[in-house]
């Protein structure tokens, strides 16, 4: 009876995990693709990773702007600018916190002055 033990933390598994994105994209050379493909055929963890990365790649291809690079960059920049424009709450929350911190420091400074004056007056 022959048994094959797959060590998930082993060198073969680790090497396959590191090459999976290129395996899914089809950009590995023939030797590496064969090695990763052989490992994936016997490793359920890597099979699940290949399936997930294939889905992510398909979703990214559907969302990617088609055409020239400049138009794609303009689309991405517009999306980023709209996210920044629609999230003023973070800025206002930070400004509120900052004003509160400044007030607390001012109160502390006043208390220190009063205590110093009282100490000097007693001596």
C-alpha atoms as a PDB file:
ATOM      1  CA  UNK A   1       0.000   0.000   0.000  1.00  0.00           C
ATOM      2  CA  UNK A   2       1.483   3.353  -1.037  1.00  0.00           C
ATOM      3  CA  UNK A   3       0.534   6.512   0.748  1.00  0.00           C
ATOM      4  CA  UNK A   4       1.516  10.030  -0.096  1.00  0.00           C
ATOM      5  CA  UNK A   5       1.716  12.497   2.747  1.00  0.00           C
ATOM      6  CA  UNK A   6       1.172  16.119   1.870  1.00  0.00           C
ATOM      7  CA  UNK A   7       2.706  18.522   4.333  1.00  0.00           C
ATOM      8  CA  UNK A   8       0.859  21.807   4.142  1.00  0.00           C
ATOM      9  CA  UNK A   9       3.806  23.665   5.574  1.00  0.00           C
ATOM     10  CA  UNK A  10       6.338  21.828   3.418  1.00  0.00           C
ATOM     11  CA  UNK A  11       8.572  23.186   0.725  1.00  0.00           C
ATOM     12  CA  UNK A  12       6.507  21.786  -2.170  1.00  0.00           C
ATOM     13  CA  UNK A  13       3.278  23.260  -0.846  1.00  0.00           C
ATOM     14  CA  UNK A  14       4.893  26.598  -0.021  1.00  0.00           C
ATOM     15  CA  UNK A  15       6.445  26.838  -3.485  1.00  0.00           C
ATOM     16  CA  UNK A  16       3.105  26.054  -5.122  1.00  0.00           C
ATOM     17  CA  UNK A  17       1.306  28.624  -2.953  1.00  0.00           C
ATOM     18  CA  UNK A  18       3.791  31.310  -3.949  1.00  0.00           C
ATOM     19  CA  UNK A  19       3.340  30.549  -7.657  1.00  0.00           C
ATOM     20  CA  UNK A  20      -0.477  30.202  -7.686  1.00  0.00           C
ATOM     21  CA  UNK A  21      -1.258  33.732  -8.950  1.00  0.00           C
ATOM     22  CA  UNK A  22       0.993  33.194 -11.981  1.00  0.00           C
ATOM     23  CA  UNK A  23      -0.377  29.680 -12.427  1.00  0.00           C
ATOM     24  CA  UNK A  24      -3.919  31.068 -12.567  1.00  0.00           C
ATOM     25  CA  UNK A  25      -2.837  33.823 -14.987  1.00  0.00           C
ATOM     26  CA  UNK A  26      -1.065  31.291 -17.192  1.00  0.00           C
ATOM     27  CA  UNK A  27       2.237  33.160 -17.064  1.00  0.00           C
ATOM     28  CA  UNK A  28       4.497  30.440 -15.605  1.00  0.00           C
ATOM     29  CA  UNK A  29       7.031  28.726 -17.816  1.00  0.00           C
ATOM     30  CA  UNK A  30       6.243  25.137 -18.795  1.00  0.00           C
ATOM     31  CA  UNK A  31       8.368  23.484 -16.080  1.00  0.00           C
ATOM     32  CA  UNK A  32       6.923  25.591 -13.244  1.00  0.00           C
ATOM     33  CA  UNK A  33       3.378  25.218 -14.556  1.00  0.00           C
ATOM     34  CA  UNK A  34       3.791  21.436 -14.677  1.00  0.00           C
ATOM     35  CA  UNK A  35       5.195  21.342 -11.147  1.00  0.00           C
ATOM     36  CA  UNK A  36       2.420  23.543  -9.714  1.00  0.00           C
ATOM     37  CA  UNK A  37      -0.241  21.694 -11.715  1.00  0.00           C
ATOM     38  CA  UNK A  38       0.924  18.365 -10.335  1.00  0.00           C
ATOM     39  CA  UNK A  39       0.788  19.695  -6.787  1.00  0.00           C
ATOM     40  CA  UNK A  40      -2.639  21.301  -7.287  1.00  0.00           C
ATOM     41  CA  UNK A  41      -4.008  18.011  -8.622  1.00  0.00           C
ATOM     42  CA  UNK A  42      -3.333  16.382  -5.234  1.00  0.00           C
ATOM     43  CA  UNK A  43      -3.815  19.288  -2.800  1.00  0.00           C
ATOM     44  CA  UNK A  44      -7.354  20.309  -1.889  1.00  0.00           C
ATOM     45  CA  UNK A  45      -6.111  23.520  -0.213  1.00  0.00           C
ATOM     46  CA  UNK A  46      -4.393  24.660  -3.403  1.00  0.00           C
ATOM     47  CA  UNK A  47      -7.388  23.583  -5.493  1.00  0.00           C
ATOM     48  CA  UNK A  48      -9.596  25.857  -3.395  1.00  0.00           C
ATOM     49  CA  UNK A  49      -7.063  28.687  -3.737  1.00  0.00           C
ATOM     50  CA  UNK A  50      -6.950  28.254  -7.527  1.00  0.00           C
ATOM     51  CA  UNK A  51     -10.756  28.357  -7.674  1.00  0.00           C
ATOM     52  CA  UNK A  52     -10.880  31.517  -5.545  1.00  0.00           C
ATOM     53  CA  UNK A  53      -8.147  33.262  -7.517  1.00  0.00           C
ATOM     54  CA  UNK A  54      -9.851  32.328 -10.780  1.00  0.00           C
ATOM     55  CA  UNK A  55     -13.074  33.928  -9.527  1.00  0.00           C
ATOM     56  CA  UNK A  56     -11.213  37.048  -8.369  1.00  0.00           C
ATOM     57  CA  UNK A  57      -9.457  37.333 -11.709  1.00  0.00           C
ATOM     58  CA  UNK A  58     -12.769  37.024 -13.577  1.00  0.00           C
ATOM     59  CA  UNK A  59     -14.386  39.627 -11.322  1.00  0.00           C
ATOM     60  CA  UNK A  60     -11.447  41.989 -11.780  1.00  0.00           C
ATOM     61  CA  UNK A  61     -11.621  41.556 -15.548  1.00  0.00           C
ATOM     62  CA  UNK A  62     -15.323  42.444 -15.487  1.00  0.00           C
ATOM     63  CA  UNK A  63     -14.656  45.593 -13.424  1.00  0.00           C
ATOM     64  CA  UNK A  64     -11.541  46.676 -15.304  1.00  0.00           C
ATOM     65  CA  UNK A  65     -11.890  49.638 -17.618  1.00  0.00           C
ATOM     66  CA  UNK A  66     -11.370  48.559 -21.205  1.00  0.00           C
ATOM     67  CA  UNK A  67      -9.402  50.609 -23.665  1.00  0.00           C
ATOM     68  CA  UNK A  68      -6.366  52.769 -23.225  1.00  0.00           C
ATOM     69  CA  UNK A  69      -4.440  53.280 -20.023  1.00  0.00           C
ATOM     70  CA  UNK A  70      -5.198  57.004 -19.749  1.00  0.00           C
ATOM     71  CA  UNK A  71      -8.945  56.405 -19.836  1.00  0.00           C
ATOM     72  CA  UNK A  72      -8.607  53.645 -17.243  1.00  0.00           C
ATOM     73  CA  UNK A  73      -6.550  55.893 -14.971  1.00  0.00           C
ATOM     74  CA  UNK A  74      -9.115  58.688 -15.355  1.00  0.00           C
ATOM     75  CA  UNK A  75     -11.880  56.276 -14.326  1.00  0.00           C
ATOM     76  CA  UNK A  76      -9.975  55.110 -11.261  1.00  0.00           C
ATOM     77  CA  UNK A  77      -9.071  58.677 -10.287  1.00  0.00           C
ATOM     78  CA  UNK A  78     -12.720  59.749 -10.567  1.00  0.00           C
ATOM     79  CA  UNK A  79     -13.752  56.876  -8.300  1.00  0.00           C
ATOM     80  CA  UNK A  80     -11.075  57.795  -5.746  1.00  0.00           C
ATOM     81  CA  UNK A  81     -12.025  61.479  -5.846  1.00  0.00           C
ATOM     82  CA  UNK A  82     -15.691  60.644  -5.314  1.00  0.00           C
ATOM     83  CA  UNK A  83     -14.825  58.498  -2.287  1.00  0.00           C
ATOM     84  CA  UNK A  84     -12.806  61.326  -0.767  1.00  0.00           C
ATOM     85  CA  UNK A  85     -15.579  63.831  -1.481  1.00  0.00           C
ATOM     86  CA  UNK A  86     -18.258  61.651   0.102  1.00  0.00           C
ATOM     87  CA  UNK A  87     -16.363  60.967   3.332  1.00  0.00           C
ATOM     88  CA  UNK A  88     -16.157  64.321   5.127  1.00  0.00           C
ATOM     89  CA  UNK A  89     -17.314  62.676   8.366  1.00  0.00           C
ATOM     90  CA  UNK A  90     -13.833  61.361   9.069  1.00  0.00           C
ATOM     91  CA  UNK A  91     -12.362  64.825   8.718  1.00  0.00           C
ATOM     92  CA  UNK A  92     -15.035  66.455  10.880  1.00  0.00           C
ATOM     93  CA  UNK A  93     -14.705  63.731  13.519  1.00  0.00           C
ATOM     94  CA  UNK A  94     -10.959  64.254  13.603  1.00  0.00           C
ATOM     95  CA  UNK A  95     -11.409  68.042  13.832  1.00  0.00           C
ATOM     96  CA  UNK A  96     -13.833  67.579  16.761  1.00  0.00           C
ATOM     97  CA  UNK A  97     -11.350  65.313  18.540  1.00  0.00           C
ATOM     98  CA  UNK A  98      -8.545  67.781  17.915  1.00  0.00           C
ATOM     99  CA  UNK A  99     -10.553  70.696  19.336  1.00  0.00           C
ATOM    100  CA  UNK A 100     -11.375  68.610  22.420  1.00  0.00           C
ATOM    101  CA  UNK A 101      -7.709  67.748  22.883  1.00  0.00           C
ATOM    102  CA  UNK A 102      -6.717  71.416  22.609  1.00  0.00           C
ATOM    103  CA  UNK A 103      -9.316  72.357  25.224  1.00  0.00           C
ATOM    104  CA  UNK A 104      -8.085  69.635  27.575  1.00  0.00           C
ATOM    105  CA  UNK A 105      -4.485  70.840  27.251  1.00  0.00           C
ATOM    106  CA  UNK A 106      -5.572  74.434  27.928  1.00  0.00           C
ATOM    107  CA  UNK A 107      -7.453  73.359  31.076  1.00  0.00           C
ATOM    108  CA  UNK A 108      -4.430  71.379  32.274  1.00  0.00           C
ATOM    109  CA  UNK A 109      -2.158  74.379  31.751  1.00  0.00           C
ATOM    110  CA  UNK A 110      -4.513  76.605  33.758  1.00  0.00           C
ATOM    111  CA  UNK A 111      -4.684  74.072  36.614  1.00  0.00           C
ATOM    112  CA  UNK A 112      -0.877  73.806  36.697  1.00  0.00           C
ATOM    113  CA  UNK A 113      -0.555  77.606  36.872  1.00  0.00           C
ATOM    114  CA  UNK A 114      -3.039  77.840  39.727  1.00  0.00           C
ATOM    115  CA  UNK A 115      -1.296  75.046  41.636  1.00  0.00           C
ATOM    116  CA  UNK A 116       2.137  76.649  41.064  1.00  0.00           C
ATOM    117  CA  UNK A 117       0.823  80.012  42.274  1.00  0.00           C
ATOM    118  CA  UNK A 118      -0.698  78.371  45.381  1.00  0.00           C
ATOM    119  CA  UNK A 119       2.564  76.556  46.119  1.00  0.00           C
ATOM    120  CA  UNK A 120       4.620  79.743  45.790  1.00  0.00           C
ATOM    121  CA  UNK A 121       2.125  81.640  47.969  1.00  0.00           C
ATOM    122  CA  UNK A 122       2.358  79.066  50.780  1.00  0.00           C
ATOM    123  CA  UNK A 123       6.146  79.121  50.871  1.00  0.00           C
END
